[in-house]
Amino acid sequence: MIEMSDEPMVKTVRVPLAPDSAFRVFTQRIGEWWPMATHSVSGDAASGVRFEPYAGGRLVEVTTAGEECVWGTVLVWDDPSRLVLSWHPGRAPETAQEVDGTFVADADGTAVRLEHRGWDLLGPAVAEQRGSYDGGWDLVLGQRYVAAAAAAA
């Protein structure tokens, strides 16, 4: 059954890197590990994604034709401990949710915690979107990012 909750969705992974390296792989190298073929706005025309690395910067998908699609705006850029984004890939900015990532050193490297909140902004689409993002974040963060961080270790 798809969860109807508007409570924040939280995903946590551990990577074998210090927080500064974990943050750098997440932000500077996002275009290397983000699964553009399955998790983009432009589909086959998507060629990459990149951060503008500062508060007020954007997270932007770029197409093979050089067009840009804004996925969100950087609200907090606290390298290497926290990154907060407005989040609206393929949607109008007024429907933006927030994605809040923290990078905390632990005995095994870094615990990366991602909180996706603001589900109430999606109205009747919340159940479908929440179900999609639950599996999506497992792939994007839990598999692709973790693999990229392990390769960088």
N, C-alpha and C. Protein backbone atom coordinates (compact mmCIF):
# COMPACT_ATOMS: atom_id res chain seq x y z
N MET A 1 0.84 -1.20 0.00
CA MET A 1 0.00 0.00 0.00
C MET A 1 0.88 1.25 0.00
N ILE A 2 0.53 2.22 -0.79
CA ILE A 2 1.29 3.47 -0.86
C ILE A 2 0.96 4.33 0.35
N GLU A 3 2.00 4.84 0.97
CA GLU A 3 1.83 5.65 2.16
C GLU A 3 1.27 7.02 1.80
N MET A 4 0.25 7.45 2.53
CA MET A 4 -0.41 8.73 2.25
C MET A 4 0.15 9.87 3.12
N SER A 5 1.09 9.57 3.96
CA SER A 5 1.60 10.53 4.93
C SER A 5 2.25 11.74 4.27
N ASP A 6 2.12 12.88 4.93
CA ASP A 6 2.87 14.05 4.49
C ASP A 6 4.06 14.30 5.42
N GLU A 7 4.36 13.31 6.28
CA GLU A 7 5.55 13.39 7.13
C GLU A 7 6.80 13.32 6.26
N PRO A 8 7.90 13.91 6.71
CA PRO A 8 9.14 13.84 5.94
C PRO A 8 9.57 12.40 5.67
N MET A 9 10.14 12.19 4.51
CA MET A 9 10.74 10.91 4.16
C MET A 9 12.23 11.03 4.48
N VAL A 10 12.76 10.08 5.22
CA VAL A 10 14.16 10.12 5.62
C VAL A 10 14.88 8.88 5.10
N LYS A 11 16.02 9.11 4.48
CA LYS A 11 16.89 8.04 4.00
C LYS A 11 18.29 8.31 4.57
N THR A 12 18.92 7.27 5.10
CA THR A 12 20.27 7.40 5.65
C THR A 12 21.16 6.32 5.07
N VAL A 13 22.36 6.72 4.64
CA VAL A 13 23.37 5.79 4.15
C VAL A 13 24.69 6.13 4.83
N ARG A 14 25.60 5.17 4.79
CA ARG A 14 26.95 5.41 5.29
C ARG A 14 27.91 5.20 4.14
N VAL A 15 28.89 6.10 4.04
CA VAL A 15 29.89 5.99 2.99
C VAL A 15 31.28 6.03 3.63
N PRO A 16 32.27 5.37 3.01
CA PRO A 16 33.60 5.25 3.60
C PRO A 16 34.51 6.45 3.28
N LEU A 17 33.97 7.64 3.47
CA LEU A 17 34.70 8.87 3.19
C LEU A 17 34.53 9.84 4.35
N ALA A 18 35.48 10.75 4.51
CA ALA A 18 35.32 11.85 5.45
C ALA A 18 34.21 12.77 4.93
N PRO A 19 33.56 13.55 5.81
CA PRO A 19 32.46 14.40 5.37
C PRO A 19 32.79 15.32 4.20
N ASP A 20 34.00 15.89 4.16
CA ASP A 20 34.31 16.80 3.05
C ASP A 20 34.33 16.05 1.71
N SER A 21 34.87 14.84 1.70
CA SER A 21 34.88 14.05 0.48
C SER A 21 33.48 13.56 0.12
N ALA A 22 32.70 13.15 1.12
CA ALA A 22 31.33 12.69 0.87
C ALA A 22 30.49 13.82 0.29
N PHE A 23 30.65 15.03 0.81
CA PHE A 23 29.93 16.20 0.31
C PHE A 23 30.35 16.50 -1.13
N ARG A 24 31.65 16.41 -1.39
CA ARG A 24 32.18 16.71 -2.72
C ARG A 24 31.65 15.70 -3.76
N VAL A 25 31.62 14.41 -3.41
CA VAL A 25 31.08 13.41 -4.34
C VAL A 25 29.60 13.70 -4.60
N PHE A 26 28.87 14.06 -3.54
CA PHE A 26 27.44 14.33 -3.70
C PHE A 26 27.20 15.54 -4.58
N THR A 27 27.97 16.58 -4.41
CA THR A 27 27.69 17.83 -5.12
C THR A 27 28.50 18.00 -6.40
N GLN A 28 29.81 17.98 -6.31
CA GLN A 28 30.65 18.24 -7.48
C GLN A 28 30.59 17.12 -8.51
N ARG A 29 30.31 15.89 -8.05
CA ARG A 29 30.33 14.75 -8.97
C ARG A 29 28.94 14.18 -9.23
N ILE A 30 27.89 14.93 -8.91
CA ILE A 30 26.52 14.43 -9.08
C ILE A 30 26.24 13.99 -10.52
N GLY A 31 26.83 14.66 -11.48
CA GLY A 31 26.62 14.30 -12.87
C GLY A 31 27.18 12.94 -13.24
N GLU A 32 28.10 12.42 -12.44
CA GLU A 32 28.70 11.11 -12.69
C GLU A 32 27.84 9.97 -12.16
N TRP A 33 27.10 10.21 -11.08
CA TRP A 33 26.38 9.10 -10.45
C TRP A 33 24.86 9.20 -10.53
N TRP A 34 24.32 10.37 -10.83
CA TRP A 34 22.85 10.49 -10.91
C TRP A 34 22.36 9.69 -12.12
N PRO A 35 21.33 8.85 -11.97
CA PRO A 35 20.85 8.03 -13.09
C PRO A 35 19.96 8.82 -14.06
N MET A 36 20.58 9.57 -14.93
CA MET A 36 19.84 10.45 -15.84
C MET A 36 18.87 9.70 -16.75
N ALA A 37 19.21 8.49 -17.13
CA ALA A 37 18.34 7.74 -18.05
C ALA A 37 16.97 7.47 -17.44
N THR A 38 16.91 7.31 -16.13
CA THR A 38 15.65 6.98 -15.47
C THR A 38 15.12 8.06 -14.55
N HIS A 39 15.97 9.00 -14.14
CA HIS A 39 15.56 10.00 -13.15
C HIS A 39 15.94 11.40 -13.62
N SER A 40 15.28 11.81 -14.71
CA SER A 40 15.51 13.15 -15.26
C SER A 40 14.18 13.67 -15.79
N VAL A 41 14.15 14.94 -16.08
CA VAL A 41 12.96 15.56 -16.66
C VAL A 41 12.96 15.37 -18.18
N SER A 42 14.12 15.41 -18.79
CA SER A 42 14.24 15.40 -20.24
C SER A 42 14.38 14.01 -20.86
N GLY A 43 14.44 12.98 -20.05
CA GLY A 43 14.55 11.62 -20.58
C GLY A 43 15.80 11.41 -21.41
N ASP A 44 15.63 10.90 -22.62
CA ASP A 44 16.76 10.60 -23.50
C ASP A 44 17.57 11.83 -23.88
N ALA A 45 16.96 13.00 -23.81
CA ALA A 45 17.67 14.23 -24.17
C ALA A 45 18.53 14.77 -23.03
N ALA A 46 18.40 14.20 -21.83
CA ALA A 46 19.19 14.67 -20.68
C ALA A 46 20.64 14.23 -20.82
N SER A 47 21.55 15.16 -20.60
CA SER A 47 22.97 14.81 -20.70
C SER A 47 23.70 14.93 -19.36
N GLY A 48 23.12 15.61 -18.39
CA GLY A 48 23.79 15.74 -17.11
C GLY A 48 23.04 16.62 -16.14
N VAL A 49 23.59 16.70 -14.95
CA VAL A 49 23.03 17.53 -13.89
C VAL A 49 24.19 18.14 -13.11
N ARG A 50 24.00 19.37 -12.63
CA ARG A 50 25.08 20.04 -11.90
C ARG A 50 24.53 21.03 -10.89
N PHE A 51 25.31 21.24 -9.86
CA PHE A 51 25.00 22.24 -8.84
C PHE A 51 25.72 23.53 -9.16
N GLU A 52 25.10 24.65 -8.83
CA GLU A 52 25.80 25.93 -8.70
C GLU A 52 26.09 26.01 -7.21
N PRO A 53 27.38 25.91 -6.81
CA PRO A 53 27.76 25.62 -5.43
C PRO A 53 27.74 26.79 -4.45
N TYR A 54 26.56 27.33 -4.22
CA TYR A 54 26.41 28.42 -3.25
C TYR A 54 24.92 28.61 -2.94
N ALA A 55 24.63 29.18 -1.78
CA ALA A 55 23.24 29.49 -1.44
C ALA A 55 22.69 30.43 -2.49
N GLY A 56 21.53 30.09 -3.02
CA GLY A 56 20.94 30.85 -4.12
C GLY A 56 21.26 30.25 -5.48
N GLY A 57 22.22 29.32 -5.52
CA GLY A 57 22.55 28.63 -6.76
C GLY A 57 21.45 27.65 -7.13
N ARG A 58 21.60 27.04 -8.27
CA ARG A 58 20.56 26.12 -8.75
C ARG A 58 21.11 24.71 -8.90
N LEU A 59 20.20 23.76 -8.89
CA LEU A 59 20.49 22.39 -9.31
C LEU A 59 19.84 22.28 -10.67
N VAL A 60 20.66 22.04 -11.71
CA VAL A 60 20.20 22.17 -13.08
C VAL A 60 20.47 20.90 -13.88
N GLU A 61 19.44 20.43 -14.58
CA GLU A 61 19.59 19.38 -15.57
C GLU A 61 19.92 20.05 -16.90
N VAL A 62 20.85 19.48 -17.64
CA VAL A 62 21.24 20.03 -18.94
C VAL A 62 20.94 18.98 -20.00
N THR A 63 20.37 19.44 -21.11
CA THR A 63 20.05 18.52 -22.21
C THR A 63 21.19 18.47 -23.22
N THR A 64 21.10 17.52 -24.12
CA THR A 64 22.11 17.41 -25.18
C THR A 64 22.13 18.64 -26.08
N ALA A 65 21.02 19.38 -26.12
CA ALA A 65 20.94 20.62 -26.91
C ALA A 65 21.42 21.84 -26.11
N GLY A 66 21.83 21.62 -24.85
CA GLY A 66 22.31 22.71 -24.03
C GLY A 66 21.22 23.45 -23.26
N GLU A 67 19.99 22.98 -23.34
CA GLU A 67 18.90 23.62 -22.59
C GLU A 67 19.00 23.22 -21.12
N GLU A 68 18.50 24.08 -20.25
CA GLU A 68 18.55 23.83 -18.81
C GLU A 68 17.15 23.66 -18.25
N CYS A 69 17.03 22.75 -17.32
CA CYS A 69 15.80 22.55 -16.56
C CYS A 69 16.17 22.63 -15.09
N VAL A 70 15.62 23.61 -14.39
CA VAL A 70 15.96 23.80 -12.98
C VAL A 70 15.18 22.80 -12.13
N TRP A 71 15.91 22.02 -11.36
CA TRP A 71 15.29 21.07 -10.43
C TRP A 71 15.02 21.72 -9.08
N GLY A 72 15.79 22.74 -8.74
CA GLY A 72 15.62 23.40 -7.45
C GLY A 72 16.67 24.45 -7.22
N THR A 73 16.56 25.10 -6.07
CA THR A 73 17.48 26.17 -5.68
C THR A 73 18.17 25.77 -4.39
N VAL A 74 19.46 26.08 -4.29
CA VAL A 74 20.22 25.81 -3.08
C VAL A 74 19.81 26.82 -2.01
N LEU A 75 19.24 26.33 -0.93
CA LEU A 75 18.82 27.19 0.18
C LEU A 75 19.93 27.32 1.22
N VAL A 76 20.65 26.22 1.45
CA VAL A 76 21.78 26.20 2.39
C VAL A 76 22.91 25.42 1.74
N TRP A 77 24.08 26.03 1.68
CA TRP A 77 25.29 25.35 1.20
C TRP A 77 26.32 25.50 2.30
N ASP A 78 26.38 24.53 3.20
CA ASP A 78 27.29 24.56 4.35
C ASP A 78 28.29 23.42 4.18
N ASP A 79 29.19 23.58 3.23
CA ASP A 79 30.21 22.58 2.90
C ASP A 79 31.14 22.41 4.10
N PRO A 80 31.31 21.22 4.63
CA PRO A 80 30.90 19.91 4.14
C PRO A 80 29.80 19.24 4.98
N SER A 81 29.01 20.02 5.70
CA SER A 81 28.09 19.37 6.64
C SER A 81 26.62 19.36 6.25
N ARG A 82 26.19 20.32 5.42
CA ARG A 82 24.75 20.36 5.14
C ARG A 82 24.46 21.03 3.80
N LEU A 83 23.42 20.52 3.14
CA LEU A 83 22.95 21.04 1.87
C LEU A 83 21.43 20.97 1.90
N VAL A 84 20.76 22.12 1.70
CA VAL A 84 19.30 22.15 1.65
C VAL A 84 18.89 22.74 0.31
N LEU A 85 17.94 22.07 -0.35
CA LEU A 85 17.47 22.50 -1.67
C LEU A 85 15.97 22.66 -1.68
N SER A 86 15.49 23.63 -2.43
CA SER A 86 14.09 23.55 -2.85
C SER A 86 14.09 22.46 -3.91
N TRP A 87 12.97 21.78 -4.10
CA TRP A 87 12.97 20.60 -4.97
C TRP A 87 11.69 20.57 -5.80
N HIS A 88 11.83 20.78 -7.11
CA HIS A 88 10.65 20.78 -8.00
C HIS A 88 11.00 20.33 -9.42
N PRO A 89 11.75 19.23 -9.59
CA PRO A 89 12.08 18.82 -10.95
C PRO A 89 10.83 18.51 -11.77
N GLY A 90 10.70 19.20 -12.88
CA GLY A 90 9.56 18.99 -13.76
C GLY A 90 8.27 19.62 -13.28
N ARG A 91 8.33 20.38 -12.20
CA ARG A 91 7.13 21.04 -11.65
C ARG A 91 7.39 22.54 -11.50
N ALA A 92 6.33 23.27 -11.26
CA ALA A 92 6.44 24.71 -11.04
C ALA A 92 7.14 24.99 -9.70
N PRO A 93 7.96 26.03 -9.64
CA PRO A 93 8.68 26.36 -8.40
C PRO A 93 7.78 26.54 -7.18
N GLU A 94 6.54 26.98 -7.39
CA GLU A 94 5.65 27.18 -6.23
C GLU A 94 5.22 25.86 -5.58
N THR A 95 5.49 24.73 -6.23
CA THR A 95 5.21 23.42 -5.63
C THR A 95 6.46 22.81 -5.01
N ALA A 96 7.51 23.61 -4.88
CA ALA A 96 8.79 23.09 -4.41
C ALA A 96 8.71 22.51 -3.00
N GLN A 97 9.25 21.32 -2.88
CA GLN A 97 9.44 20.69 -1.58
C GLN A 97 10.85 21.05 -1.14
N GLU A 98 11.31 20.47 -0.04
CA GLU A 98 12.69 20.65 0.39
C GLU A 98 13.37 19.30 0.54
N VAL A 99 14.63 19.27 0.13
CA VAL A 99 15.50 18.13 0.35
C VAL A 99 16.66 18.64 1.18
N ASP A 100 16.85 18.05 2.36
CA ASP A 100 17.84 18.49 3.34
C ASP A 100 18.83 17.35 3.55
N GLY A 101 20.07 17.56 3.17
CA GLY A 101 21.10 16.54 3.33
C GLY A 101 22.12 16.95 4.37
N THR A 102 22.44 16.02 5.27
CA THR A 102 23.49 16.26 6.25
C THR A 102 24.58 15.20 6.12
N PHE A 103 25.79 15.59 6.42
CA PHE A 103 26.98 14.76 6.29
C PHE A 103 27.72 14.80 7.62
N VAL A 104 27.65 13.70 8.38
CA VAL A 104 28.19 13.67 9.74
C VAL A 104 29.20 12.53 9.87
N ALA A 105 30.40 12.86 10.33
CA ALA A 105 31.43 11.84 10.53
C ALA A 105 30.96 10.81 11.55
N ASP A 106 31.26 9.55 11.27
CA ASP A 106 31.02 8.49 12.23
C ASP A 106 32.19 7.51 12.15
N ALA A 107 32.12 6.43 12.90
CA ALA A 107 33.23 5.49 12.97
C ALA A 107 33.55 4.84 11.62
N ASP A 108 32.58 4.75 10.72
CA ASP A 108 32.77 4.09 9.43
C ASP A 108 33.02 5.06 8.28
N GLY A 109 33.09 6.33 8.53
CA GLY A 109 33.26 7.34 7.49
C GLY A 109 32.31 8.49 7.70
N THR A 110 31.20 8.50 6.93
CA THR A 110 30.22 9.57 7.06
C THR A 110 28.81 8.99 6.93
N ALA A 111 27.96 9.42 7.85
CA ALA A 111 26.53 9.12 7.74
C ALA A 111 25.91 10.26 6.94
N VAL A 112 25.27 9.90 5.85
CA VAL A 112 24.59 10.88 5.00
C VAL A 112 23.10 10.67 5.20
N ARG A 113 22.45 11.72 5.67
CA ARG A 113 21.01 11.65 5.95
C ARG A 113 20.30 12.63 5.02
N LEU A 114 19.32 12.12 4.31
CA LEU A 114 18.54 12.94 3.39
C LEU A 114 17.10 12.97 3.89
N GLU A 115 16.58 14.16 4.10
CA GLU A 115 15.18 14.33 4.50
C GLU A 115 14.45 15.07 3.40
N HIS A 116 13.41 14.44 2.88
CA HIS A 116 12.59 15.02 1.81
C HIS A 116 11.26 15.40 2.45
N ARG A 117 10.95 16.69 2.47
CA ARG A 117 9.77 17.16 3.17
C ARG A 117 8.95 18.12 2.30
N GLY A 118 7.73 18.39 2.77
CA GLY A 118 6.85 19.30 2.05
C GLY A 118 5.86 18.56 1.17
N TRP A 119 5.53 17.34 1.55
CA TRP A 119 4.62 16.52 0.74
C TRP A 119 3.23 17.14 0.59
N ASP A 120 2.82 17.91 1.57
CA ASP A 120 1.49 18.53 1.52
C ASP A 120 1.34 19.46 0.33
N LEU A 121 2.44 19.96 -0.21
CA LEU A 121 2.39 20.86 -1.36
C LEU A 121 1.95 20.17 -2.65
N LEU A 122 1.95 18.83 -2.64
CA LEU A 122 1.60 18.09 -3.85
C LEU A 122 0.12 17.77 -3.95
N GLY A 123 -0.64 18.10 -2.93
CA GLY A 123 -2.09 17.89 -2.98
C GLY A 123 -2.46 16.45 -3.25
N PRO A 124 -3.41 16.22 -4.17
CA PRO A 124 -3.89 14.86 -4.44
C PRO A 124 -2.82 13.93 -5.01
N ALA A 125 -1.73 14.46 -5.53
CA ALA A 125 -0.68 13.62 -6.12
C ALA A 125 0.28 13.07 -5.07
N VAL A 126 0.06 13.40 -3.79
CA VAL A 126 1.03 13.03 -2.77
C VAL A 126 1.28 11.53 -2.69
N ALA A 127 0.26 10.70 -2.75
CA ALA A 127 0.45 9.26 -2.62
C ALA A 127 1.31 8.70 -3.75
N GLU A 128 1.00 9.09 -4.98
CA GLU A 128 1.77 8.62 -6.13
C GLU A 128 3.21 9.12 -6.06
N GLN A 129 3.38 10.39 -5.79
CA GLN A 129 4.72 10.97 -5.74
C GLN A 129 5.55 10.39 -4.61
N ARG A 130 4.95 10.25 -3.44
CA ARG A 130 5.68 9.71 -2.30
C ARG A 130 6.14 8.28 -2.58
N GLY A 131 5.27 7.47 -3.15
CA GLY A 131 5.64 6.11 -3.49
C GLY A 131 6.78 6.07 -4.50
N SER A 132 6.72 6.94 -5.48
CA SER A 132 7.76 7.01 -6.50
C SER A 132 9.10 7.44 -5.89
N TYR A 133 9.07 8.45 -5.04
CA TYR A 133 10.30 8.94 -4.43
C TYR A 133 10.89 7.96 -3.43
N ASP A 134 10.06 7.18 -2.77
CA ASP A 134 10.59 6.21 -1.81
C ASP A 134 11.55 5.26 -2.51
N GLY A 135 11.13 4.68 -3.61
CA GLY A 135 12.01 3.80 -4.38
C GLY A 135 13.09 4.57 -5.11
N GLY A 136 12.75 5.77 -5.56
CA GLY A 136 13.71 6.59 -6.27
C GLY A 136 14.91 6.97 -5.43
N TRP A 137 14.67 7.40 -4.20
CA TRP A 137 15.79 7.75 -3.32
C TRP A 137 16.61 6.52 -2.93
N ASP A 138 15.95 5.36 -2.83
CA ASP A 138 16.71 4.13 -2.56
C ASP A 138 17.71 3.87 -3.69
N LEU A 139 17.29 4.07 -4.93
CA LEU A 139 18.20 3.89 -6.07
C LEU A 139 19.24 5.00 -6.10
N VAL A 140 18.79 6.24 -6.09
CA VAL A 140 19.68 7.38 -6.29
C VAL A 140 20.70 7.51 -5.15
N LEU A 141 20.21 7.54 -3.92
CA LEU A 141 21.10 7.72 -2.77
C LEU A 141 21.69 6.38 -2.32
N GLY A 142 20.82 5.39 -2.13
CA GLY A 142 21.24 4.13 -1.54
C GLY A 142 22.10 3.26 -2.43
N GLN A 143 21.96 3.39 -3.73
CA GLN A 143 22.78 2.58 -4.64
C GLN A 143 23.79 3.41 -5.42
N ARG A 144 23.31 4.39 -6.17
CA ARG A 144 24.21 5.12 -7.07
C ARG A 144 25.20 6.01 -6.32
N TYR A 145 24.71 6.83 -5.36
CA TYR A 145 25.62 7.68 -4.60
C TYR A 145 26.59 6.83 -3.77
N VAL A 146 26.07 5.81 -3.09
CA VAL A 146 26.91 4.95 -2.25
C VAL A 146 28.01 4.30 -3.10
N ALA A 147 27.68 3.82 -4.29
CA ALA A 147 28.68 3.21 -5.17
C ALA A 147 29.74 4.24 -5.61
N ALA A 148 29.32 5.45 -5.92
CA ALA A 148 30.27 6.50 -6.32
C ALA A 148 31.19 6.86 -5.17
N ALA A 149 30.63 6.94 -3.97
CA ALA A 149 31.46 7.26 -2.79
C ALA A 149 32.44 6.13 -2.50
N ALA A 150 32.00 4.89 -2.63
CA ALA A 150 32.90 3.75 -2.40
C ALA A 150 34.03 3.76 -3.42
N ALA A 151 33.71 4.08 -4.67
CA ALA A 151 34.74 4.13 -5.71
C ALA A 151 35.73 5.26 -5.46
N ALA A 152 35.30 6.31 -4.79
CA ALA A 152 36.17 7.45 -4.50
C ALA A 152 37.04 7.23 -3.27
N ALA A 153 36.71 6.20 -2.49
CA ALA A 153 37.44 5.94 -1.23
C ALA A 153 38.85 5.46 -1.50
